[in-house]
Amino acid sequence: MKAIYPGSFDPVTYGHLDIIERCANKFDTVIIAVLNNIQKQSLFSVEERIALLKETTKDFPNVEIDTFSGLLTEYAKSKNCSTIIRGLRAVSDFEYEMQMALVNKKTYNDMETLFMVSNAEHVYLSSSIVKEVSYYGGEIACFVPKVVEDALTNKFKGGL
């Protein structure tokens, strides 16, 4: 069985990697689908996010990294996959995620969305928070792998 874990991953955090690892232990194939949303301003390009994900998931042989734009349901159909994974950090995440799951189910009847609750150590963690802390020079090693930390440091110093 395969599952798709979609998101912006701008950048990937230990919270994302926790969900990825747990999925990799439950599914034969996990497709990490990086959303290319032209309406959203991302710090990292799609190519940079894919590179960071490939590096941080290289120890999971059943994890694939891909990108998509448009409707998730159409992407899922193209991958012959009807299982979507969504991480939940707080009750506030649930309302939005439930709406999306119901819309996806309505537009692709075979679609099932499985919610995974973040581990307590990552429940407060988001890519936005990591970017903000990094921007102001704060310590982020406890939030992201070294390769992501370095990429953020370079990005905010005018690199990459």
C-alpha atoms as a PDB file:
ATOM      1  CA  MET A   1       0.000   0.000   0.000  1.00  0.00           C
ATOM      2  CA  LYS A   2       1.195   3.503  -0.753  1.00  0.00           C
ATOM      3  CA  ALA A   3       0.415   6.893   0.709  1.00  0.00           C
ATOM      4  CA  ILE A   4       1.028  10.493  -0.234  1.00  0.00           C
ATOM      5  CA  TYR A   5       2.234  13.005   2.344  1.00  0.00           C
ATOM      6  CA  PRO A   6       1.689  16.412   0.702  1.00  0.00           C
ATOM      7  CA  GLY A   7       2.907  19.761   1.923  1.00  0.00           C
ATOM      8  CA  SER A   8       5.016  22.805   1.213  1.00  0.00           C
ATOM      9  CA  PHE A   9       7.976  21.634   3.354  1.00  0.00           C
ATOM     10  CA  ASP A  10       9.426  25.153   3.341  1.00  0.00           C
ATOM     11  CA  PRO A  11      11.645  23.901   4.947  1.00  0.00           C
ATOM     12  CA  VAL A  12      11.376  20.325   6.183  1.00  0.00           C
ATOM     13  CA  THR A  13      11.528  20.105   9.999  1.00  0.00           C
ATOM     14  CA  TYR A  14      11.954  17.337  12.542  1.00  0.00           C
ATOM     15  CA  GLY A  15       8.158  17.361  12.867  1.00  0.00           C
ATOM     16  CA  HIS A  16       7.804  16.488   9.185  1.00  0.00           C
ATOM     17  CA  LEU A  17      10.545  13.885   9.442  1.00  0.00           C
ATOM     18  CA  ASP A  18       8.806  12.263  12.403  1.00  0.00           C
ATOM     19  CA  ILE A  19       5.642  11.827  10.330  1.00  0.00           C
ATOM     20  CA  ILE A  20       7.683  10.592   7.343  1.00  0.00           C
ATOM     21  CA  GLU A  21       9.490   7.993   9.435  1.00  0.00           C
ATOM     22  CA  ARG A  22       6.277   6.750  11.007  1.00  0.00           C
ATOM     23  CA  CYS A  23       4.640   6.511   7.573  1.00  0.00           C
ATOM     24  CA  ALA A  24       7.661   4.711   6.127  1.00  0.00           C
ATOM     25  CA  ASN A  25       7.183   2.071   8.833  1.00  0.00           C
ATOM     26  CA  LYS A  26       3.490   1.586   7.952  1.00  0.00           C
ATOM     27  CA  PHE A  27       3.329   1.837   4.153  1.00  0.00           C
ATOM     28  CA  ASP A  28       5.155   0.080   1.329  1.00  0.00           C
ATOM     29  CA  THR A  29       5.707   3.401  -0.449  1.00  0.00           C
ATOM     30  CA  VAL A  30       5.440   6.962   0.832  1.00  0.00           C
ATOM     31  CA  ILE A  31       5.382   9.755  -1.721  1.00  0.00           C
ATOM     32  CA  ILE A  32       6.410  13.091  -0.264  1.00  0.00           C
ATOM     33  CA  ALA A  33       4.603  15.495  -2.582  1.00  0.00           C
ATOM     34  CA  VAL A  34       6.002  19.015  -2.490  1.00  0.00           C
ATOM     35  CA  LEU A  35       3.312  21.510  -3.360  1.00  0.00           C
ATOM     36  CA  ASN A  36       4.270  24.025  -6.026  1.00  0.00           C
ATOM     37  CA  ASN A  37       1.812  26.767  -5.080  1.00  0.00           C
ATOM     38  CA  ILE A  38       2.431  29.823  -7.227  1.00  0.00           C
ATOM     39  CA  GLN A  39       0.040  31.840  -5.038  1.00  0.00           C
ATOM     40  CA  LYS A  40       2.252  31.352  -1.987  1.00  0.00           C
ATOM     41  CA  GLN A  41       5.604  33.051  -1.423  1.00  0.00           C
ATOM     42  CA  SER A  42       8.105  30.352  -0.447  1.00  0.00           C
ATOM     43  CA  LEU A  43      11.580  30.929   0.944  1.00  0.00           C
ATOM     44  CA  PHE A  44      12.996  27.904  -0.870  1.00  0.00           C
ATOM     45  CA  SER A  45      12.308  27.005  -4.484  1.00  0.00           C
ATOM     46  CA  VAL A  46      10.607  23.703  -5.231  1.00  0.00           C
ATOM     47  CA  GLU A  47      13.962  22.338  -6.405  1.00  0.00           C
ATOM     48  CA  GLU A  48      15.652  23.381  -3.152  1.00  0.00           C
ATOM     49  CA  ARG A  49      12.888  21.829  -1.055  1.00  0.00           C
ATOM     50  CA  ILE A  50      13.115  18.602  -3.030  1.00  0.00           C
ATOM     51  CA  ALA A  51      16.903  18.507  -2.566  1.00  0.00           C
ATOM     52  CA  LEU A  52      16.561  19.042   1.201  1.00  0.00           C
ATOM     53  CA  LEU A  53      13.908  16.323   1.429  1.00  0.00           C
ATOM     54  CA  LYS A  54      16.004  13.879  -0.602  1.00  0.00           C
ATOM     55  CA  GLU A  55      18.967  14.468   1.697  1.00  0.00           C
ATOM     56  CA  THR A  56      16.966  14.197   4.926  1.00  0.00           C
ATOM     57  CA  THR A  57      15.037  11.073   3.855  1.00  0.00           C
ATOM     58  CA  LYS A  58      17.874   9.177   2.181  1.00  0.00           C
ATOM     59  CA  ASP A  59      17.770   6.487   4.892  1.00  0.00           C
ATOM     60  CA  PHE A  60      14.189   5.554   3.982  1.00  0.00           C
ATOM     61  CA  PRO A  61      14.325   3.404   0.828  1.00  0.00           C
ATOM     62  CA  ASN A  62      10.540   3.354   0.443  1.00  0.00           C
ATOM     63  CA  VAL A  63      10.202   7.156   0.418  1.00  0.00           C
ATOM     64  CA  GLU A  64       9.936   8.988  -2.910  1.00  0.00           C
ATOM     65  CA  ILE A  65      10.107  12.749  -3.351  1.00  0.00           C
ATOM     66  CA  ASP A  66       7.964  14.382  -6.014  1.00  0.00           C
ATOM     67  CA  THR A  67       6.261  17.686  -6.737  1.00  0.00           C
ATOM     68  CA  PHE A  68       2.807  18.694  -7.872  1.00  0.00           C
ATOM     69  CA  SER A  69       0.669  21.725  -8.530  1.00  0.00           C
ATOM     70  CA  GLY A  70      -3.066  21.940  -8.829  1.00  0.00           C
ATOM     71  CA  LEU A  71      -5.505  19.642  -7.102  1.00  0.00           C
ATOM     72  CA  LEU A  72      -4.168  16.991  -4.765  1.00  0.00           C
ATOM     73  CA  THR A  73      -6.907  14.597  -5.863  1.00  0.00           C
ATOM     74  CA  GLU A  74      -5.774  14.804  -9.496  1.00  0.00           C
ATOM     75  CA  TYR A  75      -2.173  14.230  -8.444  1.00  0.00           C
ATOM     76  CA  ALA A  76      -3.227  11.240  -6.308  1.00  0.00           C
ATOM     77  CA  LYS A  77      -5.141   9.736  -9.232  1.00  0.00           C
ATOM     78  CA  SER A  78      -2.076  10.153 -11.461  1.00  0.00           C
ATOM     79  CA  LYS A  79      -0.054   8.216  -8.862  1.00  0.00           C
ATOM     80  CA  ASN A  80      -2.759   5.547  -8.509  1.00  0.00           C
ATOM     81  CA  CYS A  81      -2.928   6.343  -4.801  1.00  0.00           C
ATOM     82  CA  SER A  82      -5.983   6.993  -2.672  1.00  0.00           C
ATOM     83  CA  THR A  83      -4.395   7.458   0.761  1.00  0.00           C
ATOM     84  CA  ILE A  84      -3.332  10.889   1.959  1.00  0.00           C
ATOM     85  CA  ILE A  85      -1.436  11.538   5.184  1.00  0.00           C
ATOM     86  CA  ARG A  86      -1.864  14.796   7.072  1.00  0.00           C
ATOM     87  CA  GLY A  87      -0.093  15.742  10.278  1.00  0.00           C
ATOM     88  CA  LEU A  88      -1.978  17.436  13.089  1.00  0.00           C
ATOM     89  CA  ARG A  89      -0.257  19.556  15.706  1.00  0.00           C
ATOM     90  CA  ALA A  90      -3.191  21.169  17.449  1.00  0.00           C
ATOM     91  CA  VAL A  91      -6.966  21.299  17.467  1.00  0.00           C
ATOM     92  CA  SER A  92      -6.724  24.400  15.268  1.00  0.00           C
ATOM     93  CA  ASP A  93      -5.171  22.254  12.495  1.00  0.00           C
ATOM     94  CA  PHE A  94      -8.040  19.781  12.609  1.00  0.00           C
ATOM     95  CA  GLU A  95     -10.828  22.077  11.400  1.00  0.00           C
ATOM     96  CA  TYR A  96      -8.989  23.087   8.220  1.00  0.00           C
ATOM     97  CA  GLU A  97      -7.680  19.573   7.578  1.00  0.00           C
ATOM     98  CA  MET A  98     -11.139  18.043   8.057  1.00  0.00           C
ATOM     99  CA  GLN A  99     -12.606  20.487   5.514  1.00  0.00           C
ATOM    100  CA  MET A 100      -9.906  19.602   3.008  1.00  0.00           C
ATOM    101  CA  ALA A 101     -10.383  15.872   3.604  1.00  0.00           C
ATOM    102  CA  LEU A 102     -14.130  16.167   2.985  1.00  0.00           C
ATOM    103  CA  VAL A 103     -13.641  18.190  -0.202  1.00  0.00           C
ATOM    104  CA  ASN A 104     -11.039  15.690  -1.424  1.00  0.00           C
ATOM    105  CA  LYS A 105     -13.401  12.800  -0.663  1.00  0.00           C
ATOM    106  CA  LYS A 106     -16.199  14.550  -2.552  1.00  0.00           C
ATOM    107  CA  THR A 107     -14.024  15.071  -5.643  1.00  0.00           C
ATOM    108  CA  TYR A 108     -12.342  11.635  -5.472  1.00  0.00           C
ATOM    109  CA  ASN A 109     -14.597   9.129  -3.736  1.00  0.00           C
ATOM    110  CA  ASP A 110     -11.802   6.587  -3.171  1.00  0.00           C
ATOM    111  CA  MET A 111      -9.660   9.178  -1.356  1.00  0.00           C
ATOM    112  CA  GLU A 112      -9.024   8.522   2.319  1.00  0.00           C
ATOM    113  CA  THR A 113      -7.221  11.003   4.527  1.00  0.00           C
ATOM    114  CA  LEU A 114      -5.384   9.620   7.531  1.00  0.00           C
ATOM    115  CA  PHE A 115      -4.491  12.072  10.272  1.00  0.00           C
ATOM    116  CA  MET A 116      -1.326  11.536  12.267  1.00  0.00           C
ATOM    117  CA  VAL A 117      -0.906  13.427  15.503  1.00  0.00           C
ATOM    118  CA  SER A 118       2.509  14.964  15.983  1.00  0.00           C
ATOM    119  CA  ASN A 119       4.667  13.639  18.757  1.00  0.00           C
ATOM    120  CA  ALA A 120       4.542  15.923  21.791  1.00  0.00           C
ATOM    121  CA  GLU A 121       8.129  17.080  21.260  1.00  0.00           C
ATOM    122  CA  HIS A 122       7.166  18.536  17.846  1.00  0.00           C
ATOM    123  CA  VAL A 123       3.638  19.779  18.468  1.00  0.00           C
ATOM    124  CA  TYR A 124       4.660  23.449  18.545  1.00  0.00           C
ATOM    125  CA  LEU A 125       6.986  23.220  15.551  1.00  0.00           C
ATOM    126  CA  SER A 126       6.239  24.748  12.162  1.00  0.00           C
ATOM    127  CA  SER A 127       8.313  25.759   9.174  1.00  0.00           C
ATOM    128  CA  SER A 128       7.225  29.366   9.712  1.00  0.00           C
ATOM    129  CA  ILE A 129       8.555  29.415  13.267  1.00  0.00           C
ATOM    130  CA  VAL A 130      11.836  27.830  12.178  1.00  0.00           C
ATOM    131  CA  LYS A 131      12.282  30.436   9.447  1.00  0.00           C
ATOM    132  CA  GLU A 132      11.569  33.283  11.853  1.00  0.00           C
ATOM    133  CA  VAL A 133      13.972  32.029  14.519  1.00  0.00           C
ATOM    134  CA  SER A 134      16.659  31.478  11.886  1.00  0.00           C
ATOM    135  CA  TYR A 135      16.086  34.898  10.325  1.00  0.00           C
ATOM    136  CA  TYR A 136      16.825  36.558  13.666  1.00  0.00           C
ATOM    137  CA  GLY A 137      19.912  34.426  14.240  1.00  0.00           C
ATOM    138  CA  GLY A 138      18.421  32.057  16.795  1.00  0.00           C
ATOM    139  CA  GLU A 139      19.499  28.474  17.369  1.00  0.00           C
ATOM    140  CA  ILE A 140      17.513  26.039  15.191  1.00  0.00           C
ATOM    141  CA  ALA A 141      19.554  22.827  15.429  1.00  0.00           C
ATOM    142  CA  CYS A 142      16.884  21.313  17.683  1.00  0.00           C
ATOM    143  CA  PHE A 143      14.203  21.946  15.015  1.00  0.00           C
ATOM    144  CA  VAL A 144      15.840  20.862  11.750  1.00  0.00           C
ATOM    145  CA  PRO A 145      18.653  18.623  10.472  1.00  0.00           C
ATOM    146  CA  LYS A 146      22.063  20.203   9.853  1.00  0.00           C
ATOM    147  CA  VAL A 147      21.594  20.374   6.087  1.00  0.00           C
ATOM    148  CA  VAL A 148      18.409  22.419   6.568  1.00  0.00           C
ATOM    149  CA  GLU A 149      20.039  24.594   9.218  1.00  0.00           C
ATOM    150  CA  ASP A 150      22.888  25.346   6.816  1.00  0.00           C
ATOM    151  CA  ALA A 151      20.476  26.082   3.963  1.00  0.00           C
ATOM    152  CA  LEU A 152      18.530  28.528   6.136  1.00  0.00           C
ATOM    153  CA  THR A 153      21.707  30.226   7.329  1.00  0.00           C
ATOM    154  CA  ASN A 154      22.886  30.599   3.729  1.00  0.00           C
ATOM    155  CA  LYS A 155      19.494  31.839   2.582  1.00  0.00           C
ATOM    156  CA  PHE A 156      19.382  34.576   5.186  1.00  0.00           C
ATOM    157  CA  LYS A 157      22.989  35.573   4.521  1.00  0.00           C
ATOM    158  CA  GLY A 158      22.193  35.991   0.822  1.00  0.00           C
ATOM    159  CA  GLY A 159      23.500  32.570  -0.169  1.00  0.00           C
ATOM    160  CA  LEU A 160      21.831  29.764  -2.107  1.00  0.00           C
END
